[in-house]
Amino acid sequence: MFKFLVIQTAFIGDAILASACIEELHKSHPTATIDFLVRKGNEQLFEKHPFLNKVLIWNKQQHKLQHFFKTLQSIRKEKYTHVINLHRYTSSGLFTVFSGAKETIGFDKNPLSFLFTKKIKHRISDYGDTHWVHETERNHELIAAITSLNVQLPKLYPSEQDFAKVAALKKQAYITIAPSSVWFTKQFPIAKWIAFVKTVPKHYTIYLLGGKGDHAMAALIAEYAKDNCVNLCGNLSLLESAALMKDAFMNYVNDSGPLHICSAINAPTRAIFCSTQANFGFGPLSTNSKIITYKENLDCKPCGLHGKKECPKGHFTCALGIDINELSECLTA
C-alpha cells in the first residue's frame, strides 16, 4: 500500500496551495496513508483534516539544526513509499534524499534534485504571458504520474467549533480585510486601506484579520472606520478566520496567505497585487474573485518573484497608484 509524505515547509500560502496535492492523492489512492510536513505554525491549518494521517512539524525558529535531525528521524521511522517535495530549498532536499523512501520526487530547482528518483522542471511564467501556470498546476506535475491529470483545488476544513467561534460575528452583513503582508512591497499601504474603509457603506461591518503582530497596524485603520470596524488581529486562529471569511460579502487581501485561505474555502475575494504579478502563479482561485492592480505599465514592475522590504525605486507607484474605487465597486453595485 502507498504511504505518502508531502513536504512544503515554506509560508502559510504555500502550505495551503500544497493541499491541492493532498486532495488528488486521496482521490486517486483513497486507501493510502498521507502525511504532511510543514513548518511550525502552519500545522494549525490542518487540524482534523479528513485525508491526513499525520502532520509532521519542523521548528525552524528555535534550535533549527537540532529540530532538523529530530524531524528527519521521524520521517525515516515512517518508511514512506513516496516522498513528494514541493519545496525548492536544500533543507527539504535533505529530508527527501535521506527519507529512505523508494520514490523521491521534487522540482529541478531544489539543489539536491539530482539525488531524487524523479525531478520535474519548475516553470514560472514570464511577465506578459497570456497563459500562465498556477502553483497548483506546477505542484500537480509532481504527482501526475501516480494520480490523474486532474488538478484539484486547495482545500481547508474548518471544524464545527471554528464556525461556532465566529457565528456571533455573522449576524449582520460584513466584509473582511487582511491588511498586512510579510513583505512591504506586497502590502497595500495603510493610507490606501484607510481611504478604502472610509468608502465602505455603513451597513457593512468591517472585520480586520491577522496575527498579533498586525494588531497595531489594524488599529490605525480601524480608527478611521468609526464604529463599523472590529480589529480581530490576534484573536482568531487561521481556521477560525477561514470560517469567518467563508460567509463574508467580500474579503480583501494582499498577495499573501489570506488570499489562499479564500481560495481553499471558495470565499469571495478581491486580491490586491502591488509589486508582484498574478501570472507568477499565485492568483485567486475562488469562483467570485478579482485581481486588483495598477493599470499602467511600469518598467520596474514586477521587481521580483517575491516581495521586498522596500520599493527599490522609492516611489511605490504599483501600490499607491491603485484606484480604491475598484475595491468599493462591488459594495455599491
Protein backbone atom coordinates (compact mmCIF):
# COMPACT_ATOMS: atom_id res chain seq x y z
CA MET A 1 0.00 0.00 0.00
CA PHE A 2 1.18 3.52 -0.77
CA LYS A 3 2.38 5.71 2.08
CA PHE A 4 2.92 9.31 1.00
CA LEU A 5 4.75 12.19 2.60
CA VAL A 6 4.14 15.63 1.10
CA ILE A 7 6.71 18.28 2.07
CA GLN A 8 6.05 22.03 1.99
CA THR A 9 7.88 23.92 4.75
CA ALA A 10 7.52 27.40 3.28
CA PHE A 11 4.96 30.05 4.26
CA ILE A 12 1.23 29.75 5.02
CA GLY A 13 0.10 30.32 1.44
CA ASP A 14 2.48 27.71 0.07
CA ALA A 15 1.20 25.12 2.56
CA ILE A 16 -2.41 25.89 1.66
CA LEU A 17 -1.76 25.53 -2.07
CA ALA A 18 0.02 22.24 -1.38
CA SER A 19 -3.28 20.91 -0.02
CA ALA A 20 -4.44 20.51 -3.63
CA CYS A 21 -1.95 17.64 -3.94
CA ILE A 22 -3.37 16.04 -0.80
CA GLU A 23 -6.85 16.21 -2.35
CA GLU A 24 -5.69 14.49 -5.54
CA LEU A 25 -3.56 11.87 -3.79
CA HIS A 26 -6.56 10.88 -1.68
CA LYS A 27 -8.91 10.87 -4.65
CA SER A 28 -6.59 8.63 -6.69
CA HIS A 29 -5.48 6.43 -3.77
CA PRO A 30 -8.28 6.52 -1.17
CA THR A 31 -6.75 3.78 0.99
CA ALA A 32 -3.24 5.28 1.02
CA THR A 33 -1.70 6.91 4.10
CA ILE A 34 -0.92 10.58 3.55
CA ASP A 35 1.27 12.65 5.89
CA PHE A 36 2.24 16.30 5.52
CA LEU A 37 5.44 18.03 6.69
CA VAL A 38 5.07 21.76 7.38
CA ARG A 39 6.93 24.46 9.27
CA LYS A 40 5.89 25.10 12.86
CA GLY A 41 2.83 27.35 12.98
CA ASN A 42 1.27 26.05 9.79
CA GLU A 43 0.11 22.80 11.40
CA GLN A 44 -2.96 24.59 12.76
CA LEU A 45 -4.29 24.84 9.20
CA PHE A 46 -4.61 21.06 9.01
CA GLU A 47 -6.13 20.16 12.35
CA LYS A 48 -8.67 17.35 11.91
CA HIS A 49 -8.00 17.25 8.16
CA PRO A 50 -10.05 14.27 6.92
CA PHE A 51 -7.42 12.93 4.50
CA LEU A 52 -4.29 13.34 6.59
CA ASN A 53 -2.96 10.62 8.84
CA LYS A 54 -0.34 12.81 10.50
CA VAL A 55 1.08 16.33 10.28
CA LEU A 56 4.83 16.46 10.91
CA ILE A 57 6.26 19.75 12.14
CA TRP A 58 9.68 21.23 11.60
CA ASN A 59 10.52 24.03 14.01
CA LYS A 60 12.76 26.41 12.04
CA GLN A 61 12.67 29.17 14.59
CA GLN A 62 14.41 27.60 17.59
CA HIS A 63 17.33 25.17 17.64
CA LYS A 64 16.87 24.71 13.91
CA LEU A 65 19.59 22.10 13.41
CA GLN A 66 18.53 20.05 16.41
CA HIS A 67 14.93 20.02 15.25
CA PHE A 68 16.05 19.20 11.71
CA PHE A 69 17.62 15.91 12.80
CA LYS A 70 14.68 15.13 15.08
CA THR A 71 12.29 15.67 12.16
CA LEU A 72 14.43 13.57 9.82
CA GLN A 73 14.39 10.75 12.36
CA SER A 74 10.59 10.93 12.48
CA ILE A 75 10.43 10.77 8.68
CA ARG A 76 12.69 7.74 8.45
CA LYS A 77 10.65 5.85 11.07
CA GLU A 78 7.52 6.10 8.93
CA LYS A 79 9.04 4.15 5.99
CA TYR A 80 7.25 6.11 3.27
CA THR A 81 6.89 4.62 -0.20
CA HIS A 82 6.84 8.12 -1.77
CA VAL A 83 8.18 11.47 -0.63
CA ILE A 84 6.84 14.37 -2.69
CA ASN A 85 8.78 17.57 -2.09
CA LEU A 86 7.08 20.79 -3.20
CA HIS A 87 9.73 22.96 -1.52
CA ARG A 88 12.74 24.11 -3.54
CA TYR A 89 15.43 24.55 -0.91
CA THR A 90 18.30 22.46 0.44
CA SER A 91 16.73 21.66 3.81
CA SER A 92 13.72 19.94 2.28
CA GLY A 93 16.04 18.28 -0.23
CA LEU A 94 17.91 16.68 2.66
CA PHE A 95 14.65 15.45 4.20
CA THR A 96 13.79 13.93 0.81
CA VAL A 97 17.13 12.32 0.00
CA PHE A 98 17.59 10.75 3.44
CA SER A 99 13.94 9.80 3.95
CA GLY A 100 14.52 6.18 2.99
CA ALA A 101 11.60 6.30 0.56
CA LYS A 102 11.78 4.21 -2.61
CA GLU A 103 10.39 7.08 -4.70
CA THR A 104 11.51 10.68 -4.12
CA ILE A 105 10.02 13.39 -6.31
CA GLY A 106 10.67 17.12 -6.44
CA PHE A 107 11.40 20.15 -8.58
CA ASP A 108 14.62 20.54 -10.52
CA LYS A 109 15.29 23.85 -8.74
CA ASN A 110 15.91 22.03 -5.49
CA PRO A 111 19.72 21.93 -5.12
CA LEU A 112 19.59 18.22 -4.28
CA SER A 113 17.15 17.22 -7.02
CA PHE A 114 19.91 15.30 -8.83
CA LEU A 115 19.62 12.76 -6.00
CA PHE A 116 15.83 12.38 -6.30
CA THR A 117 14.44 9.39 -8.19
CA LYS A 118 12.40 11.85 -10.26
CA LYS A 119 12.66 15.58 -10.82
CA ILE A 120 10.20 17.87 -12.60
CA LYS A 121 11.02 21.16 -14.29
CA HIS A 122 9.74 24.11 -12.28
CA ARG A 123 8.07 26.65 -14.54
CA ILE A 124 7.40 30.30 -13.73
CA SER A 125 5.56 32.30 -16.38
CA ASP A 126 7.31 35.34 -17.80
CA TYR A 127 5.82 38.79 -17.38
CA GLY A 128 3.21 39.40 -20.05
CA ASP A 129 2.44 35.74 -20.76
CA THR A 130 -1.22 35.40 -21.70
CA HIS A 131 -1.41 31.83 -20.42
CA TRP A 132 0.20 31.29 -17.07
CA VAL A 133 0.67 28.29 -14.84
CA HIS A 134 -0.84 28.38 -11.37
CA GLU A 135 1.12 27.00 -8.42
CA THR A 136 -1.44 24.22 -8.04
CA GLU A 137 -0.72 23.15 -11.63
CA ARG A 138 3.03 23.23 -11.03
CA ASN A 139 2.65 21.15 -7.90
CA HIS A 140 0.38 18.66 -9.62
CA GLU A 141 3.10 17.84 -12.13
CA LEU A 142 4.98 16.17 -9.27
CA ILE A 143 2.17 13.66 -8.72
CA ALA A 144 0.67 13.39 -12.21
CA ALA A 145 2.39 10.07 -12.92
CA ILE A 146 0.86 8.44 -9.82
CA THR A 147 -2.58 10.11 -9.88
CA SER A 148 -4.73 11.52 -12.67
CA LEU A 149 -4.47 14.50 -14.99
CA ASN A 150 -6.98 16.44 -12.87
CA VAL A 151 -5.64 19.40 -10.91
CA GLN A 152 -7.60 19.76 -7.69
CA LEU A 153 -8.31 22.99 -5.86
CA PRO A 154 -6.67 23.61 -2.49
CA LYS A 155 -8.98 22.97 0.42
CA LEU A 156 -9.13 23.68 4.13
CA TYR A 157 -11.53 22.12 6.61
CA PRO A 158 -12.63 24.48 9.40
CA SER A 159 -14.36 22.45 12.13
CA GLU A 160 -17.79 22.92 13.66
CA GLN A 161 -16.01 24.53 16.60
CA ASP A 162 -14.30 27.01 14.27
CA PHE A 163 -17.64 28.03 12.77
CA ALA A 164 -19.22 28.24 16.22
CA LYS A 165 -16.44 30.58 17.41
CA VAL A 166 -17.34 33.16 14.75
CA ALA A 167 -21.09 32.58 14.48
CA ALA A 168 -21.95 35.67 16.54
CA LEU A 169 -19.91 37.82 14.13
CA LYS A 170 -22.13 36.83 11.21
CA LYS A 171 -25.39 38.35 12.38
CA GLN A 172 -25.03 41.33 10.03
CA ALA A 173 -23.59 41.92 6.57
CA TYR A 174 -19.82 42.10 6.76
CA ILE A 175 -16.57 42.22 4.84
CA THR A 176 -13.11 41.23 5.96
CA ILE A 177 -9.76 42.91 5.34
CA ALA A 178 -6.43 41.16 5.89
CA PRO A 179 -4.27 44.28 5.59
CA SER A 180 -0.75 43.01 6.25
CA SER A 181 1.94 41.00 4.49
CA VAL A 182 5.34 39.68 5.46
CA TRP A 183 6.77 41.79 2.61
CA PHE A 184 6.39 45.56 2.41
CA THR A 185 6.01 45.70 -1.37
CA LYS A 186 3.21 43.11 -1.30
CA GLN A 187 1.23 45.12 1.22
CA PHE A 188 -1.39 47.66 0.23
CA PRO A 189 -0.30 50.82 2.09
CA ILE A 190 -2.07 51.78 5.30
CA ALA A 191 -3.09 55.13 3.80
CA LYS A 192 -4.83 53.30 0.96
CA TRP A 193 -6.63 50.95 3.35
CA ILE A 194 -7.78 53.96 5.35
CA ALA A 195 -9.05 55.65 2.20
CA PHE A 196 -10.91 52.47 1.31
CA VAL A 197 -12.60 51.87 4.69
CA LYS A 198 -13.98 55.41 4.53
CA THR A 199 -15.90 54.39 1.38
CA VAL A 200 -17.45 51.21 2.84
CA PRO A 201 -21.23 51.60 3.29
CA LYS A 202 -22.14 51.73 6.97
CA HIS A 203 -24.40 48.70 6.87
CA TYR A 204 -21.30 46.52 6.45
CA THR A 205 -19.27 45.61 9.50
CA ILE A 206 -15.55 45.52 8.69
CA TYR A 207 -13.51 42.77 10.34
CA LEU A 208 -9.75 43.24 10.26
CA LEU A 209 -7.89 39.91 10.28
CA GLY A 210 -4.29 38.97 11.00
CA GLY A 211 -1.90 37.83 13.70
CA LYS A 212 -0.97 39.51 16.97
CA GLY A 213 1.81 41.40 15.21
CA ASP A 214 -0.73 43.05 12.91
CA HIS A 215 -2.90 44.45 15.69
CA ALA A 216 -1.29 47.89 15.88
CA MET A 217 -1.49 48.46 12.14
CA ALA A 218 -5.09 47.31 12.07
CA ALA A 219 -5.88 49.67 14.95
CA LEU A 220 -4.75 52.62 12.81
CA ILE A 221 -7.09 51.51 10.04
CA ALA A 222 -10.00 50.91 12.43
CA GLU A 223 -9.64 54.40 13.88
CA TYR A 224 -10.78 55.88 10.57
CA ALA A 225 -13.66 53.45 10.03
CA LYS A 226 -15.51 54.87 13.04
CA ASP A 227 -17.97 52.47 14.66
CA ASN A 228 -18.39 49.77 12.00
CA CYS A 229 -14.90 48.24 12.21
CA VAL A 230 -13.68 45.46 14.52
CA ASN A 231 -10.00 44.68 14.94
CA LEU A 232 -9.73 40.88 15.28
CA CYS A 233 -5.98 40.61 14.70
CA GLY A 234 -4.56 38.05 17.09
CA ASN A 235 -7.99 36.91 18.29
CA LEU A 236 -8.76 34.14 15.77
CA SER A 237 -6.89 31.07 14.65
CA LEU A 238 -6.26 30.56 10.94
CA LEU A 239 -9.15 28.13 10.62
CA GLU A 240 -11.46 30.40 12.63
CA SER A 241 -10.51 33.23 10.27
CA ALA A 242 -11.32 30.91 7.35
CA ALA A 243 -14.73 30.15 8.87
CA LEU A 244 -15.42 33.90 9.08
CA MET A 245 -14.14 34.67 5.57
CA LYS A 246 -16.26 31.93 4.03
CA ASP A 247 -19.54 33.82 4.55
CA ALA A 248 -18.29 37.38 4.08
CA PHE A 249 -19.85 39.53 1.40
CA MET A 250 -16.28 40.21 0.28
CA ASN A 251 -12.75 39.53 1.51
CA TYR A 252 -9.94 41.98 0.73
CA VAL A 253 -6.43 40.52 0.74
CA ASN A 254 -2.89 41.16 -0.44
CA ASP A 255 -0.78 38.70 -2.42
CA SER A 256 -0.27 36.70 0.77
CA GLY A 257 -1.59 33.85 2.90
CA PRO A 258 -5.19 35.09 3.40
CA LEU A 259 -5.63 35.14 -0.39
CA HIS A 260 -5.01 31.38 -0.46
CA ILE A 261 -7.27 30.82 2.54
CA CYS A 262 -10.05 32.33 0.43
CA SER A 263 -9.17 30.02 -2.47
CA ALA A 264 -9.25 26.98 -0.18
CA ILE A 265 -12.78 27.73 1.08
CA ASN A 266 -14.09 29.30 -2.16
CA ALA A 267 -14.74 32.64 -0.45
CA PRO A 268 -15.36 35.86 -2.43
CA THR A 269 -12.06 37.63 -2.97
CA ARG A 270 -10.56 40.90 -4.09
CA ALA A 271 -6.84 40.27 -4.34
CA ILE A 272 -4.57 43.30 -4.44
CA PHE A 273 -1.27 42.81 -6.27
CA CYS A 274 1.24 45.61 -5.73
CA SER A 275 4.82 44.76 -6.76
CA THR A 276 4.13 41.18 -7.84
CA GLN A 277 2.10 39.69 -10.68
CA ALA A 278 -0.65 37.09 -10.60
CA ASN A 279 0.94 35.32 -13.57
CA PHE A 280 3.72 34.13 -11.26
CA GLY A 281 1.09 31.53 -10.35
CA PHE A 282 -0.37 32.72 -7.06
CA GLY A 283 -3.62 34.35 -8.14
CA PRO A 284 -7.03 33.71 -6.53
CA LEU A 285 -8.98 30.55 -7.36
CA SER A 286 -12.36 31.39 -5.82
CA THR A 287 -15.40 31.44 -8.08
CA ASN A 288 -16.08 35.08 -7.16
CA SER A 289 -12.65 36.66 -7.35
CA LYS A 290 -10.94 39.60 -8.99
CA ILE A 291 -7.36 40.77 -9.18
CA ILE A 292 -6.85 44.46 -8.47
CA THR A 293 -3.63 46.04 -9.63
CA TYR A 294 -2.16 49.26 -11.01
CA LYS A 295 -3.36 49.65 -14.60
CA GLU A 296 -0.43 51.49 -16.17
CA ASN A 297 2.76 49.81 -17.31
CA LEU A 298 5.75 50.30 -15.03
CA ASP A 299 9.21 49.38 -16.25
CA CYS A 300 10.10 48.36 -12.67
CA LYS A 301 7.16 46.00 -12.16
CA PRO A 302 7.46 43.23 -11.19
CA CYS A 303 10.59 43.96 -9.19
CA GLY A 304 10.97 40.31 -8.26
CA LEU A 305 9.23 36.99 -7.77
CA HIS A 306 8.74 37.72 -4.07
CA GLY A 307 8.13 40.92 -2.16
CA LYS A 308 10.83 43.27 -0.94
CA LYS A 309 11.38 45.19 2.30
CA GLU A 310 11.09 48.49 0.45
CA CYS A 311 10.35 49.81 -3.03
CA PRO A 312 13.65 49.66 -4.97
CA LYS A 313 12.75 52.86 -6.82
CA GLY A 314 11.39 54.70 -3.79
CA HIS A 315 8.05 55.70 -5.32
CA PHE A 316 5.91 52.56 -4.75
CA THR A 317 3.60 53.58 -7.58
CA CYS A 318 2.49 49.98 -8.15
CA ALA A 319 0.60 50.23 -4.83
CA LEU A 320 -0.06 53.93 -4.35
CA GLY A 321 -1.45 54.22 -7.88
CA ILE A 322 -4.20 51.62 -7.39
CA ASP A 323 -7.70 53.11 -7.63
CA ILE A 324 -9.63 52.32 -4.44
CA ASN A 325 -12.88 52.62 -6.40
CA GLU A 326 -12.09 49.18 -7.77
CA LEU A 327 -12.27 47.84 -4.24
CA SER A 328 -15.51 49.63 -3.47
CA GLU A 329 -17.49 48.94 -6.65
CA CYS A 330 -18.80 45.54 -5.56
CA LEU A 331 -20.15 47.07 -2.33
CA THR A 332 -22.23 49.71 -4.02
CA ALA A 333 -23.41 47.82 -7.12
